[in-house]
Amino acid sequence: MGQVGNGGGEDAAAFFRWVHGLATAGDRRMAPLGSLAPAFDEGVAQLAGAVRRSVWHMTFRPTWSEVRMARPIAEVSRRRGIDARYVADRLASARLPLLSSHHHPYFRNHPVVAPLLVVDTRTVFVGAPPGHELAGEVWTSTAPQVVDGAIRVFDAVWRAATVPHPEDAPPFTRRMVDVAFLLTDGSSDREIARSMGVSERTVSAEVAEITRRLGARNRAHAIALIGDAGP
């Protein structure tokens, strides 16, 4: 699968070529789960509940809907004793301003070849890169050779990755991120307050602060920026 080089890039490219080759060939070491969205949307809570020691997640440039879908994994990552690591392309921080705050303090930036999730260093989930003929598909594996390769690749990328600079990652609080998820779901301040068990006035203040920190013109613009709709 090649040697580690270029901050893990060469090794990562070789690893993904190999596992995608296995998947294309129908190798039994790679079990297909179907398209990414249904596979994770239906099983992410169950997967998060199974985490015991570690969860390492690498994704190219996630959308807000993908961040929302993976939220149960982010929540379990905050548990004491869990080795949590999250890597995404540097532009992800700019496109999704709340991303690094949501995953802080275990979020780093590094070029990503393809999606990869390693749970408890024994189960691997892998997707195909953008533009690949299999893009959007996901597979899982517990085969030792696949798992070992994924661990080596992720470790190399993690060591080469950088922590986002403050100007790239506004310091949104966890409650602001929680409010942001509900905002982009279309919830009103009253509905958010009821869901979070706080006062409507508190929610209104949080929304105002989120809007200010994003540099948004108004609430609707803030929601658009949170969801990567652009300025």
Protein backbone atom coordinates (compact mmCIF):
# COMPACT_ATOMS: atom_id res chain seq x y z
CA MET A 1 0.00 0.00 0.00
CA GLY A 2 3.02 2.30 -0.21
CA GLN A 3 4.95 4.21 2.41
CA VAL A 4 3.90 7.17 4.50
CA GLY A 5 4.92 10.42 2.85
CA ASN A 6 3.73 13.96 2.19
CA GLY A 7 2.06 14.17 5.59
CA GLY A 8 0.42 10.80 5.10
CA GLY A 9 -0.95 11.77 1.70
CA GLU A 10 0.85 9.14 -0.36
CA ASP A 11 0.01 6.36 2.06
CA ALA A 12 -3.62 7.50 2.26
CA ALA A 13 -3.97 7.56 -1.52
CA ALA A 14 -2.48 4.07 -1.77
CA PHE A 15 -4.72 2.75 1.00
CA PHE A 16 -7.89 4.10 -0.56
CA ARG A 17 -6.93 2.81 -4.02
CA TRP A 18 -6.46 -0.59 -2.44
CA VAL A 19 -9.72 -0.73 -0.46
CA HIS A 20 -11.73 0.73 -3.33
CA GLY A 21 -10.19 -1.95 -5.53
CA LEU A 22 -11.31 -4.59 -3.04
CA ALA A 23 -14.80 -3.11 -2.98
CA THR A 24 -15.05 -2.96 -6.76
CA ALA A 25 -13.93 -6.58 -6.99
CA GLY A 26 -16.50 -7.68 -4.43
CA ASP A 27 -13.82 -8.83 -2.00
CA ARG A 28 -15.37 -10.30 1.16
CA ARG A 29 -13.17 -8.08 3.33
CA MET A 30 -15.29 -5.08 2.31
CA ALA A 31 -18.99 -5.34 3.13
CA PRO A 32 -21.18 -2.87 1.21
CA LEU A 33 -23.62 -0.73 3.20
CA GLY A 34 -25.14 1.13 0.26
CA SER A 35 -25.27 4.90 -0.17
CA LEU A 36 -23.74 7.09 2.52
CA ALA A 37 -26.82 8.98 3.67
CA PRO A 38 -29.19 6.06 4.41
CA ALA A 39 -26.38 3.90 5.81
CA PHE A 40 -25.38 6.46 8.42
CA ASP A 41 -28.74 8.11 8.98
CA GLU A 42 -30.28 4.79 9.98
CA GLY A 43 -27.38 3.35 11.96
CA VAL A 44 -25.42 6.28 13.37
CA ALA A 45 -27.13 6.25 16.79
CA GLN A 46 -26.54 2.52 17.13
CA LEU A 47 -22.94 2.96 16.03
CA ALA A 48 -22.37 5.78 18.51
CA GLY A 49 -23.79 3.65 21.31
CA ALA A 50 -21.30 0.90 20.51
CA VAL A 51 -18.22 3.13 20.89
CA ARG A 52 -16.12 2.08 23.88
CA ARG A 53 -12.60 3.47 23.41
CA SER A 54 -12.11 5.60 20.31
CA VAL A 55 -13.74 7.17 17.29
CA TRP A 56 -11.62 8.61 14.48
CA HIS A 57 -13.44 10.40 11.69
CA MET A 58 -11.97 11.79 8.48
CA THR A 59 -14.09 13.52 5.85
CA PHE A 60 -13.27 15.59 2.79
CA ARG A 61 -15.50 18.66 3.02
CA PRO A 62 -18.74 17.87 4.88
CA THR A 63 -22.06 19.58 4.36
CA TRP A 64 -24.07 20.82 7.34
CA SER A 65 -26.56 18.00 6.78
CA GLU A 66 -23.70 15.49 7.06
CA VAL A 67 -22.49 17.16 10.27
CA ARG A 68 -26.04 16.90 11.63
CA MET A 69 -26.25 13.25 10.59
CA ALA A 70 -23.01 12.42 12.41
CA ARG A 71 -23.96 14.36 15.53
CA PRO A 72 -24.49 11.28 17.74
CA ILE A 73 -20.86 10.33 17.07
CA ALA A 74 -19.71 13.84 17.99
CA GLU A 75 -21.70 13.62 21.23
CA VAL A 76 -20.21 10.30 22.30
CA SER A 77 -16.77 11.68 21.46
CA ARG A 78 -17.11 14.09 24.39
CA ARG A 79 -17.33 11.25 26.88
CA ARG A 80 -14.44 10.92 29.28
CA GLY A 81 -11.90 8.33 28.18
CA ILE A 82 -12.86 8.37 24.49
CA ASP A 83 -9.98 9.00 22.07
CA ALA A 84 -11.76 11.29 19.60
CA ARG A 85 -10.21 12.62 16.40
CA TYR A 86 -11.83 14.50 13.55
CA VAL A 87 -10.08 15.65 10.38
CA ALA A 88 -11.51 17.67 7.50
CA ASP A 89 -10.22 19.76 4.63
CA ARG A 90 -9.12 23.26 5.66
CA LEU A 91 -11.86 24.86 3.56
CA ALA A 92 -14.42 23.04 5.70
CA SER A 93 -13.69 25.49 8.53
CA ALA A 94 -14.44 28.44 6.28
CA ARG A 95 -17.53 26.91 4.69
CA LEU A 96 -19.01 25.69 7.99
CA PRO A 97 -18.07 28.25 10.66
CA LEU A 98 -19.49 26.23 13.55
CA LEU A 99 -17.80 22.97 12.58
CA SER A 100 -14.60 23.33 14.59
CA SER A 101 -16.52 24.62 17.61
CA HIS A 102 -18.84 21.61 17.37
CA HIS A 103 -15.94 19.17 17.34
CA HIS A 104 -13.53 21.13 19.56
CA PRO A 105 -11.03 20.22 20.90
CA TYR A 106 -10.43 17.24 18.63
CA PHE A 107 -10.86 18.88 15.23
CA ARG A 108 -7.92 19.35 12.84
CA ASN A 109 -7.41 20.36 9.24
CA HIS A 110 -5.61 18.29 6.60
CA PRO A 111 -6.25 17.34 2.97
CA VAL A 112 -8.51 14.29 2.90
CA VAL A 113 -8.51 11.70 0.13
CA ALA A 114 -11.78 9.96 1.03
CA PRO A 115 -14.15 9.50 4.00
CA LEU A 116 -12.90 7.19 6.74
CA LEU A 117 -14.29 6.25 10.15
CA VAL A 118 -12.40 3.98 12.57
CA VAL A 119 -14.26 2.82 15.69
CA ASP A 120 -12.40 1.30 18.65
CA THR A 121 -9.48 0.55 16.27
CA ARG A 122 -11.30 -2.57 15.12
CA THR A 123 -14.11 -1.52 12.76
CA VAL A 124 -13.60 0.57 9.64
CA PHE A 125 -16.12 2.45 7.51
CA VAL A 126 -14.82 3.85 4.24
CA GLY A 127 -16.33 5.85 1.40
CA ALA A 128 -15.17 6.77 -2.09
CA PRO A 129 -13.69 10.20 -2.88
CA PRO A 130 -15.59 12.90 -4.80
CA GLY A 131 -15.59 12.18 -8.51
CA HIS A 132 -14.94 8.46 -8.04
CA GLU A 133 -17.28 6.09 -9.87
CA LEU A 134 -18.32 4.76 -6.45
CA ALA A 135 -18.76 8.19 -4.81
CA GLY A 136 -21.59 8.13 -2.29
CA GLU A 137 -21.16 4.46 -1.47
CA VAL A 138 -19.87 3.21 1.88
CA TRP A 139 -18.35 -0.10 3.05
CA THR A 140 -17.36 -1.54 6.38
CA SER A 141 -14.65 -3.97 7.37
CA THR A 142 -13.21 -5.71 10.41
CA ALA A 143 -10.56 -7.54 8.40
CA PRO A 144 -7.21 -7.10 10.22
CA GLN A 145 -5.31 -5.98 7.11
CA VAL A 146 -7.90 -3.31 6.31
CA VAL A 147 -8.15 -2.12 9.91
CA ASP A 148 -4.38 -1.99 10.36
CA GLY A 149 -4.00 -0.01 7.14
CA ALA A 150 -6.73 2.43 8.16
CA ILE A 151 -5.11 2.98 11.57
CA ARG A 152 -1.70 3.70 10.01
CA VAL A 153 -3.20 6.12 7.50
CA PHE A 154 -5.31 7.97 10.05
CA ASP A 155 -2.44 8.23 12.52
CA ALA A 156 -0.14 9.69 9.84
CA VAL A 157 -2.75 12.22 8.74
CA TRP A 158 -3.58 13.16 12.34
CA ARG A 159 0.07 13.83 13.19
CA ALA A 160 0.46 16.00 10.08
CA ALA A 161 -2.85 17.85 10.56
CA THR A 162 -3.08 21.36 12.01
CA VAL A 163 -5.41 22.89 14.58
CA PRO A 164 -7.58 25.62 12.99
CA HIS A 165 -6.42 29.16 13.69
CA PRO A 166 -8.73 31.32 15.82
CA GLU A 167 -9.67 33.45 12.81
CA ASP A 168 -10.72 30.28 10.97
CA ALA A 169 -12.82 28.97 13.85
CA PRO A 170 -14.99 31.50 15.70
CA PRO A 171 -15.38 30.52 19.38
CA PHE A 172 -18.99 29.42 19.34
CA THR A 173 -20.10 27.77 22.56
CA ARG A 174 -21.60 24.31 22.69
CA ARG A 175 -25.02 25.81 23.43
CA MET A 176 -24.71 28.06 20.39
CA VAL A 177 -24.00 25.00 18.28
CA ASP A 178 -27.04 23.25 19.76
CA VAL A 179 -29.15 26.29 18.93
CA ALA A 180 -27.69 26.36 15.41
CA PHE A 181 -28.77 22.78 14.74
CA LEU A 182 -32.33 23.61 15.77
CA LEU A 183 -32.30 26.86 13.81
CA THR A 184 -31.37 25.06 10.62
CA ASP A 185 -34.13 22.54 11.31
CA GLY A 186 -36.55 25.47 11.06
CA SER A 187 -37.41 25.67 14.76
CA SER A 188 -38.72 28.91 16.29
CA ASP A 189 -37.19 30.46 19.40
CA ARG A 190 -40.08 29.09 21.45
CA GLU A 191 -39.57 25.57 20.07
CA ILE A 192 -35.82 25.78 20.67
CA ALA A 193 -36.38 26.98 24.24
CA ARG A 194 -38.76 24.10 24.92
CA SER A 195 -36.36 21.56 23.40
CA MET A 196 -33.34 22.81 25.36
CA GLY A 197 -35.12 23.56 28.62
CA VAL A 198 -34.15 27.24 28.71
CA SER A 199 -36.07 30.49 28.45
CA GLU A 200 -37.13 31.97 25.13
CA ARG A 201 -35.21 35.10 26.08
CA THR A 202 -32.03 33.04 26.45
CA VAL A 203 -32.53 31.52 23.01
CA SER A 204 -33.14 34.94 21.45
CA ALA A 205 -29.91 36.20 22.99
CA GLU A 206 -28.01 33.17 21.69
CA VAL A 207 -29.43 33.65 18.19
CA ALA A 208 -28.42 37.31 18.26
CA GLU A 209 -24.89 36.41 19.35
CA ILE A 210 -24.58 33.70 16.69
CA THR A 211 -25.72 36.22 14.09
CA ARG A 212 -23.16 38.76 15.32
CA ARG A 213 -20.25 36.30 15.38
CA LEU A 214 -21.06 35.09 11.89
CA GLY A 215 -21.20 38.66 10.63
CA ALA A 216 -24.67 37.91 9.27
CA ARG A 217 -27.17 40.58 8.30
CA ASN A 218 -30.08 38.95 10.06
CA ARG A 219 -31.45 35.65 11.35
CA ALA A 220 -32.19 34.26 7.88
CA HIS A 221 -28.70 35.16 6.68
CA ALA A 222 -27.19 33.51 9.77
CA ILE A 223 -29.09 30.30 9.07
CA ALA A 224 -27.85 30.39 5.47
CA LEU A 225 -24.25 30.85 6.62
CA ILE A 226 -24.51 28.03 9.16
CA GLY A 227 -25.73 25.71 6.43
CA ASP A 228 -23.05 26.76 3.92
CA ALA A 229 -25.33 28.74 1.63
CA GLY A 230 -22.68 31.42 1.25
CA PRO A 231 -22.73 35.16 1.99
